[in-house]
Amino acid sequence: MLKNLYVNSEYKFIDRRKVHKLVGSLKKELGFGISSLIINFINKDEIHQINKEYLKHDYTTDIITFNYSGSQTELDGEIFISLDDAAFNAKKYKVSLSEELSRLVIHGILHLTGYDDTTKKDKIIMKRIENNLLNRNKFISLIENSDKN
Protein backbone atom coordinates (compact mmCIF):
# COMPACT_ATOMS: atom_id res chain seq x y z
CA MET A 1 0.00 0.00 0.00
CA LEU A 2 1.29 3.43 -0.95
CA LYS A 3 1.87 5.91 1.80
CA ASN A 4 -0.31 9.06 1.56
CA LEU A 5 -2.72 7.52 -0.99
CA TYR A 6 -6.32 7.23 0.18
CA VAL A 7 -9.06 5.48 -1.77
CA ASN A 8 -12.65 6.28 -0.81
CA SER A 9 -15.55 4.30 -2.20
CA GLU A 10 -18.99 3.31 -1.03
CA TYR A 11 -18.85 0.70 -3.79
CA LYS A 12 -17.65 -2.55 -2.25
CA PHE A 13 -16.45 -4.00 -5.57
CA ILE A 14 -13.67 -1.40 -5.96
CA ASP A 15 -10.43 -3.18 -5.01
CA ARG A 16 -8.50 -0.53 -3.06
CA ARG A 17 -5.30 -2.60 -3.12
CA LYS A 18 -5.41 -2.71 -6.92
CA VAL A 19 -5.93 1.07 -7.07
CA HIS A 20 -2.77 1.36 -4.93
CA LYS A 21 -0.98 -1.03 -7.29
CA LEU A 22 -2.00 0.98 -10.37
CA VAL A 23 -0.97 4.31 -8.82
CA GLY A 24 2.30 2.71 -7.66
CA SER A 25 3.03 1.61 -11.22
CA LEU A 26 2.21 5.09 -12.55
CA LYS A 27 4.41 6.62 -9.84
CA LYS A 28 7.38 4.60 -11.09
CA GLU A 29 6.67 5.24 -14.76
CA LEU A 30 5.97 8.97 -14.47
CA GLY A 31 8.41 9.72 -11.63
CA PHE A 32 6.21 11.58 -9.16
CA GLY A 33 5.95 11.50 -5.38
CA ILE A 34 2.81 11.64 -3.27
CA SER A 35 2.40 14.21 -0.54
CA SER A 36 -1.32 13.44 -0.30
CA LEU A 37 -3.59 11.91 -2.92
CA ILE A 38 -7.23 11.01 -2.43
CA ILE A 39 -9.15 9.06 -5.07
CA ASN A 40 -12.92 9.12 -4.57
CA PHE A 41 -15.30 6.80 -6.41
CA ILE A 42 -18.70 8.50 -6.27
CA ASN A 43 -22.06 8.60 -8.09
CA LYS A 44 -23.24 10.97 -10.83
CA ASP A 45 -25.28 13.14 -8.45
CA GLU A 46 -22.25 13.76 -6.24
CA ILE A 47 -19.93 14.60 -9.14
CA HIS A 48 -22.62 16.84 -10.68
CA GLN A 49 -22.79 18.78 -7.41
CA ILE A 50 -18.98 19.13 -7.23
CA ASN A 51 -18.86 20.21 -10.88
CA LYS A 52 -21.58 22.81 -10.28
CA GLU A 53 -20.20 24.14 -7.00
CA TYR A 54 -16.48 24.32 -7.78
CA LEU A 55 -16.26 24.51 -11.58
CA LYS A 56 -19.60 26.23 -12.34
CA HIS A 57 -20.59 23.47 -14.81
CA ASP A 58 -24.19 22.28 -14.44
CA TYR A 59 -23.74 18.69 -15.67
CA THR A 60 -22.30 15.35 -14.67
CA THR A 61 -18.88 14.21 -15.84
CA ASP A 62 -16.74 11.11 -15.47
CA ILE A 63 -13.80 12.72 -13.63
CA ILE A 64 -12.80 15.88 -11.81
CA THR A 65 -9.25 16.46 -10.60
CA PHE A 66 -8.06 19.07 -8.11
CA ASN A 67 -4.36 19.87 -7.69
CA TYR A 68 -4.11 21.53 -4.27
CA SER A 69 -0.41 22.43 -4.32
CA GLY A 70 0.17 23.07 -8.00
CA SER A 71 3.19 20.76 -7.85
CA GLN A 72 3.45 18.28 -10.70
CA THR A 73 6.17 16.17 -9.10
CA GLU A 74 5.02 15.85 -5.47
CA LEU A 75 1.30 15.29 -5.80
CA ASP A 76 -1.14 16.87 -3.38
CA GLY A 77 -4.56 16.49 -4.89
CA GLU A 78 -7.88 14.78 -5.16
CA ILE A 79 -9.55 12.82 -7.93
CA PHE A 80 -13.31 12.28 -8.12
CA ILE A 81 -14.53 9.52 -10.44
CA SER A 82 -18.21 8.99 -11.21
CA LEU A 83 -19.02 5.28 -11.33
CA ASP A 84 -22.27 6.03 -13.17
CA ASP A 85 -20.49 7.97 -15.92
CA ALA A 86 -17.68 5.40 -16.07
CA ALA A 87 -20.25 2.61 -16.55
CA PHE A 88 -21.98 4.63 -19.30
CA ASN A 89 -18.64 5.23 -21.08
CA ALA A 90 -17.59 1.59 -20.72
CA LYS A 91 -20.76 0.51 -22.48
CA LYS A 92 -20.45 3.27 -25.10
CA TYR A 93 -16.82 2.40 -25.94
CA LYS A 94 -17.33 -1.36 -25.51
CA VAL A 95 -14.72 -1.83 -22.78
CA SER A 96 -14.98 -3.34 -19.32
CA LEU A 97 -15.85 -1.15 -16.36
CA SER A 98 -12.49 -2.07 -14.83
CA GLU A 99 -10.64 -0.80 -17.92
CA GLU A 100 -12.63 2.43 -17.94
CA LEU A 101 -11.91 3.01 -14.25
CA SER A 102 -8.20 2.39 -14.85
CA ARG A 103 -8.29 4.87 -17.73
CA LEU A 104 -9.90 7.47 -15.46
CA VAL A 105 -7.36 6.99 -12.67
CA ILE A 106 -4.58 7.34 -15.26
CA HIS A 107 -6.29 10.42 -16.73
CA GLY A 108 -6.52 12.05 -13.31
CA ILE A 109 -2.88 11.31 -12.51
CA LEU A 110 -1.83 12.77 -15.87
CA HIS A 111 -3.71 15.98 -15.04
CA LEU A 112 -1.96 16.15 -11.67
CA THR A 113 1.43 15.67 -13.32
CA GLY A 114 0.88 18.57 -15.70
CA TYR A 115 -0.86 17.17 -18.75
CA ASP A 116 -3.87 19.02 -20.10
CA ASP A 117 -6.56 18.29 -22.65
CA THR A 118 -8.01 21.72 -23.39
CA THR A 119 -6.66 22.08 -26.94
CA LYS A 120 -6.96 19.52 -29.72
CA LYS A 121 -3.16 19.09 -29.81
CA ASP A 122 -2.94 18.62 -26.02
CA LYS A 123 -5.86 16.16 -26.12
CA ILE A 124 -4.08 14.03 -28.75
CA ILE A 125 -0.82 14.01 -26.74
CA MET A 126 -2.59 13.20 -23.47
CA LYS A 127 -4.70 10.44 -25.07
CA ARG A 128 -1.61 8.81 -26.58
CA ILE A 129 0.15 8.74 -23.18
CA GLU A 130 -3.05 7.57 -21.47
CA ASN A 131 -3.46 4.68 -23.95
CA ASN A 132 0.20 3.69 -23.55
CA LEU A 133 -0.06 3.64 -19.74
CA LEU A 134 -3.35 1.77 -19.88
CA ASN A 135 -1.87 -0.91 -22.16
CA ARG A 136 1.16 -1.33 -19.88
CA ASN A 137 -1.07 -1.69 -16.80
CA LYS A 138 -3.93 -3.78 -18.23
CA PHE A 139 -3.12 -6.63 -15.87
CA ILE A 140 -4.40 -4.58 -12.91
CA SER A 141 -8.17 -4.95 -12.47
CA LEU A 142 -9.66 -2.34 -10.14
CA ILE A 143 -12.75 -4.44 -9.57
CA GLU A 144 -12.92 -7.45 -7.29
CA ASN A 145 -14.07 -10.53 -9.22
CA SER A 146 -13.45 -8.70 -12.48
CA ASP A 147 -15.43 -11.34 -14.35
CA LYS A 148 -18.49 -9.23 -13.34
CA ASN A 149 -17.55 -6.39 -15.67
C-alpha atoms as a PDB file:
ATOM      1  CA  MET A   1       0.000   0.000   0.000  1.00  0.00           C
ATOM      2  CA  LEU A   2       1.286   3.428  -0.945  1.00  0.00           C
ATOM      3  CA  LYS A   3       1.873   5.915   1.800  1.00  0.00           C
ATOM      4  CA  ASN A   4      -0.311   9.056   1.557  1.00  0.00           C
ATOM      5  CA  LEU A   5      -2.721   7.524  -0.992  1.00  0.00           C
ATOM      6  CA  TYR A   6      -6.320   7.227   0.184  1.00  0.00           C
ATOM      7  CA  VAL A   7      -9.058   5.482  -1.769  1.00  0.00           C
ATOM      8  CA  ASN A   8     -12.651   6.285  -0.811  1.00  0.00           C
ATOM      9  CA  SER A   9     -15.553   4.304  -2.203  1.00  0.00           C
ATOM     10  CA  GLU A  10     -18.985   3.308  -1.028  1.00  0.00           C
ATOM     11  CA  TYR A  11     -18.852   0.701  -3.794  1.00  0.00           C
ATOM     12  CA  LYS A  12     -17.649  -2.549  -2.251  1.00  0.00           C
ATOM     13  CA  PHE A  13     -16.451  -3.998  -5.572  1.00  0.00           C
ATOM     14  CA  ILE A  14     -13.668  -1.402  -5.958  1.00  0.00           C
ATOM     15  CA  ASP A  15     -10.428  -3.185  -5.011  1.00  0.00           C
ATOM     16  CA  ARG A  16      -8.503  -0.528  -3.056  1.00  0.00           C
ATOM     17  CA  ARG A  17      -5.302  -2.604  -3.120  1.00  0.00           C
ATOM     18  CA  LYS A  18      -5.408  -2.708  -6.917  1.00  0.00           C
ATOM     19  CA  VAL A  19      -5.932   1.070  -7.068  1.00  0.00           C
ATOM     20  CA  HIS A  20      -2.769   1.365  -4.932  1.00  0.00           C
ATOM     21  CA  LYS A  21      -0.984  -1.032  -7.289  1.00  0.00           C
ATOM     22  CA  LEU A  22      -2.001   0.983 -10.369  1.00  0.00           C
ATOM     23  CA  VAL A  23      -0.971   4.308  -8.824  1.00  0.00           C
ATOM     24  CA  GLY A  24       2.305   2.711  -7.662  1.00  0.00           C
ATOM     25  CA  SER A  25       3.033   1.612 -11.217  1.00  0.00           C
ATOM     26  CA  LEU A  26       2.206   5.093 -12.555  1.00  0.00           C
ATOM     27  CA  LYS A  27       4.408   6.622  -9.843  1.00  0.00           C
ATOM     28  CA  LYS A  28       7.384   4.596 -11.091  1.00  0.00           C
ATOM     29  CA  GLU A  29       6.668   5.239 -14.765  1.00  0.00           C
ATOM     30  CA  LEU A  30       5.973   8.965 -14.470  1.00  0.00           C
ATOM     31  CA  GLY A  31       8.408   9.718 -11.628  1.00  0.00           C
ATOM     32  CA  PHE A  32       6.209  11.583  -9.165  1.00  0.00           C
ATOM     33  CA  GLY A  33       5.954  11.496  -5.381  1.00  0.00           C
ATOM     34  CA  ILE A  34       2.805  11.641  -3.273  1.00  0.00           C
ATOM     35  CA  SER A  35       2.397  14.208  -0.540  1.00  0.00           C
ATOM     36  CA  SER A  36      -1.324  13.443  -0.295  1.00  0.00           C
ATOM     37  CA  LEU A  37      -3.591  11.911  -2.917  1.00  0.00           C
ATOM     38  CA  ILE A  38      -7.233  11.009  -2.430  1.00  0.00           C
ATOM     39  CA  ILE A  39      -9.145   9.058  -5.071  1.00  0.00           C
ATOM     40  CA  ASN A  40     -12.918   9.123  -4.570  1.00  0.00           C
ATOM     41  CA  PHE A  41     -15.303   6.804  -6.407  1.00  0.00           C
ATOM     42  CA  ILE A  42     -18.704   8.500  -6.269  1.00  0.00           C
ATOM     43  CA  ASN A  43     -22.057   8.602  -8.093  1.00  0.00           C
ATOM     44  CA  LYS A  44     -23.236  10.974 -10.829  1.00  0.00           C
ATOM     45  CA  ASP A  45     -25.281  13.137  -8.449  1.00  0.00           C
ATOM     46  CA  GLU A  46     -22.250  13.765  -6.239  1.00  0.00           C
ATOM     47  CA  ILE A  47     -19.933  14.601  -9.144  1.00  0.00           C
ATOM     48  CA  HIS A  48     -22.619  16.838 -10.681  1.00  0.00           C
ATOM     49  CA  GLN A  49     -22.787  18.783  -7.412  1.00  0.00           C
ATOM     50  CA  ILE A  50     -18.977  19.135  -7.235  1.00  0.00           C
ATOM     51  CA  ASN A  51     -18.862  20.212 -10.883  1.00  0.00           C
ATOM     52  CA  LYS A  52     -21.578  22.809 -10.277  1.00  0.00           C
ATOM     53  CA  GLU A  53     -20.200  24.137  -7.001  1.00  0.00           C
ATOM     54  CA  TYR A  54     -16.482  24.320  -7.783  1.00  0.00           C
ATOM     55  CA  LEU A  55     -16.260  24.509 -11.576  1.00  0.00           C
ATOM     56  CA  LYS A  56     -19.597  26.233 -12.342  1.00  0.00           C
ATOM     57  CA  HIS A  57     -20.586  23.470 -14.815  1.00  0.00           C
ATOM     58  CA  ASP A  58     -24.186  22.280 -14.443  1.00  0.00           C
ATOM     59  CA  TYR A  59     -23.742  18.694 -15.669  1.00  0.00           C
ATOM     60  CA  THR A  60     -22.304  15.355 -14.669  1.00  0.00           C
ATOM     61  CA  THR A  61     -18.880  14.214 -15.843  1.00  0.00           C
ATOM     62  CA  ASP A  62     -16.738  11.109 -15.466  1.00  0.00           C
ATOM     63  CA  ILE A  63     -13.797  12.718 -13.625  1.00  0.00           C
ATOM     64  CA  ILE A  64     -12.799  15.879 -11.806  1.00  0.00           C
ATOM     65  CA  THR A  65      -9.245  16.460 -10.604  1.00  0.00           C
ATOM     66  CA  PHE A  66      -8.057  19.074  -8.113  1.00  0.00           C
ATOM     67  CA  ASN A  67      -4.355  19.871  -7.690  1.00  0.00           C
ATOM     68  CA  TYR A  68      -4.106  21.526  -4.270  1.00  0.00           C
ATOM     69  CA  SER A  69      -0.407  22.429  -4.322  1.00  0.00           C
ATOM     70  CA  GLY A  70       0.166  23.073  -8.003  1.00  0.00           C
ATOM     71  CA  SER A  71       3.193  20.764  -7.854  1.00  0.00           C
ATOM     72  CA  GLN A  72       3.449  18.279 -10.698  1.00  0.00           C
ATOM     73  CA  THR A  73       6.174  16.175  -9.103  1.00  0.00           C
ATOM     74  CA  GLU A  74       5.022  15.854  -5.466  1.00  0.00           C
ATOM     75  CA  LEU A  75       1.299  15.292  -5.795  1.00  0.00           C
ATOM     76  CA  ASP A  76      -1.143  16.870  -3.379  1.00  0.00           C
ATOM     77  CA  GLY A  77      -4.556  16.487  -4.891  1.00  0.00           C
ATOM     78  CA  GLU A  78      -7.877  14.785  -5.156  1.00  0.00           C
ATOM     79  CA  ILE A  79      -9.551  12.822  -7.934  1.00  0.00           C
ATOM     80  CA  PHE A  80     -13.312  12.282  -8.122  1.00  0.00           C
ATOM     81  CA  ILE A  81     -14.526   9.518 -10.438  1.00  0.00           C
ATOM     82  CA  SER A  82     -18.211   8.990 -11.207  1.00  0.00           C
ATOM     83  CA  LEU A  83     -19.023   5.281 -11.326  1.00  0.00           C
ATOM     84  CA  ASP A  84     -22.266   6.026 -13.174  1.00  0.00           C
ATOM     85  CA  ASP A  85     -20.490   7.970 -15.925  1.00  0.00           C
ATOM     86  CA  ALA A  86     -17.682   5.400 -16.069  1.00  0.00           C
ATOM     87  CA  ALA A  87     -20.252   2.608 -16.554  1.00  0.00           C
ATOM     88  CA  PHE A  88     -21.984   4.627 -19.299  1.00  0.00           C
ATOM     89  CA  ASN A  89     -18.639   5.231 -21.077  1.00  0.00           C
ATOM     90  CA  ALA A  90     -17.587   1.589 -20.715  1.00  0.00           C
ATOM     91  CA  LYS A  91     -20.762   0.510 -22.480  1.00  0.00           C
ATOM     92  CA  LYS A  92     -20.449   3.274 -25.097  1.00  0.00           C
ATOM     93  CA  TYR A  93     -16.819   2.401 -25.943  1.00  0.00           C
ATOM     94  CA  LYS A  94     -17.335  -1.364 -25.507  1.00  0.00           C
ATOM     95  CA  VAL A  95     -14.717  -1.828 -22.780  1.00  0.00           C
ATOM     96  CA  SER A  96     -14.976  -3.344 -19.316  1.00  0.00           C
ATOM     97  CA  LEU A  97     -15.846  -1.145 -16.358  1.00  0.00           C
ATOM     98  CA  SER A  98     -12.488  -2.066 -14.829  1.00  0.00           C
ATOM     99  CA  GLU A  99     -10.638  -0.804 -17.916  1.00  0.00           C
ATOM    100  CA  GLU A 100     -12.631   2.426 -17.938  1.00  0.00           C
ATOM    101  CA  LEU A 101     -11.913   3.011 -14.245  1.00  0.00           C
ATOM    102  CA  SER A 102      -8.200   2.389 -14.846  1.00  0.00           C
ATOM    103  CA  ARG A 103      -8.287   4.871 -17.726  1.00  0.00           C
ATOM    104  CA  LEU A 104      -9.903   7.472 -15.464  1.00  0.00           C
ATOM    105  CA  VAL A 105      -7.357   6.985 -12.671  1.00  0.00           C
ATOM    106  CA  ILE A 106      -4.578   7.345 -15.264  1.00  0.00           C
ATOM    107  CA  HIS A 107      -6.295  10.418 -16.734  1.00  0.00           C
ATOM    108  CA  GLY A 108      -6.524  12.051 -13.305  1.00  0.00           C
ATOM    109  CA  ILE A 109      -2.880  11.310 -12.505  1.00  0.00           C
ATOM    110  CA  LEU A 110      -1.829  12.770 -15.868  1.00  0.00           C
ATOM    111  CA  HIS A 111      -3.706  15.980 -15.040  1.00  0.00           C
ATOM    112  CA  LEU A 112      -1.962  16.149 -11.666  1.00  0.00           C
ATOM    113  CA  THR A 113       1.432  15.668 -13.318  1.00  0.00           C
ATOM    114  CA  GLY A 114       0.879  18.570 -15.700  1.00  0.00           C
ATOM    115  CA  TYR A 115      -0.865  17.174 -18.754  1.00  0.00           C
ATOM    116  CA  ASP A 116      -3.869  19.024 -20.101  1.00  0.00           C
ATOM    117  CA  ASP A 117      -6.559  18.289 -22.653  1.00  0.00           C
ATOM    118  CA  THR A 118      -8.006  21.719 -23.388  1.00  0.00           C
ATOM    119  CA  THR A 119      -6.660  22.084 -26.942  1.00  0.00           C
ATOM    120  CA  LYS A 120      -6.956  19.515 -29.723  1.00  0.00           C
ATOM    121  CA  LYS A 121      -3.162  19.087 -29.813  1.00  0.00           C
ATOM    122  CA  ASP A 122      -2.945  18.620 -26.021  1.00  0.00           C
ATOM    123  CA  LYS A 123      -5.859  16.162 -26.119  1.00  0.00           C
ATOM    124  CA  ILE A 124      -4.076  14.033 -28.747  1.00  0.00           C
ATOM    125  CA  ILE A 125      -0.820  14.012 -26.738  1.00  0.00           C
ATOM    126  CA  MET A 126      -2.589  13.196 -23.472  1.00  0.00           C
ATOM    127  CA  LYS A 127      -4.705  10.435 -25.066  1.00  0.00           C
ATOM    128  CA  ARG A 128      -1.605   8.813 -26.582  1.00  0.00           C
ATOM    129  CA  ILE A 129       0.151   8.743 -23.183  1.00  0.00           C
ATOM    130  CA  GLU A 130      -3.048   7.567 -21.472  1.00  0.00           C
ATOM    131  CA  ASN A 131      -3.456   4.676 -23.948  1.00  0.00           C
ATOM    132  CA  ASN A 132       0.203   3.691 -23.547  1.00  0.00           C
ATOM    133  CA  LEU A 133      -0.060   3.641 -19.741  1.00  0.00           C
ATOM    134  CA  LEU A 134      -3.353   1.766 -19.882  1.00  0.00           C
ATOM    135  CA  ASN A 135      -1.868  -0.908 -22.159  1.00  0.00           C
ATOM    136  CA  ARG A 136       1.163  -1.329 -19.876  1.00  0.00           C
ATOM    137  CA  ASN A 137      -1.068  -1.691 -16.798  1.00  0.00           C
ATOM    138  CA  LYS A 138      -3.933  -3.781 -18.231  1.00  0.00           C
ATOM    139  CA  PHE A 139      -3.121  -6.634 -15.875  1.00  0.00           C
ATOM    140  CA  ILE A 140      -4.399  -4.583 -12.913  1.00  0.00           C
ATOM    141  CA  SER A 141      -8.169  -4.950 -12.473  1.00  0.00           C
ATOM    142  CA  LEU A 142      -9.656  -2.341 -10.136  1.00  0.00           C
ATOM    143  CA  ILE A 143     -12.751  -4.444  -9.570  1.00  0.00           C
ATOM    144  CA  GLU A 144     -12.923  -7.447  -7.288  1.00  0.00           C
ATOM    145  CA  ASN A 145     -14.075 -10.528  -9.223  1.00  0.00           C
ATOM    146  CA  SER A 146     -13.454  -8.695 -12.480  1.00  0.00           C
ATOM    147  CA  ASP A 147     -15.433 -11.337 -14.353  1.00  0.00           C
ATOM    148  CA  LYS A 148     -18.485  -9.232 -13.336  1.00  0.00           C
ATOM    149  CA  ASN A 149     -17.551  -6.389 -15.665  1.00  0.00           C
END
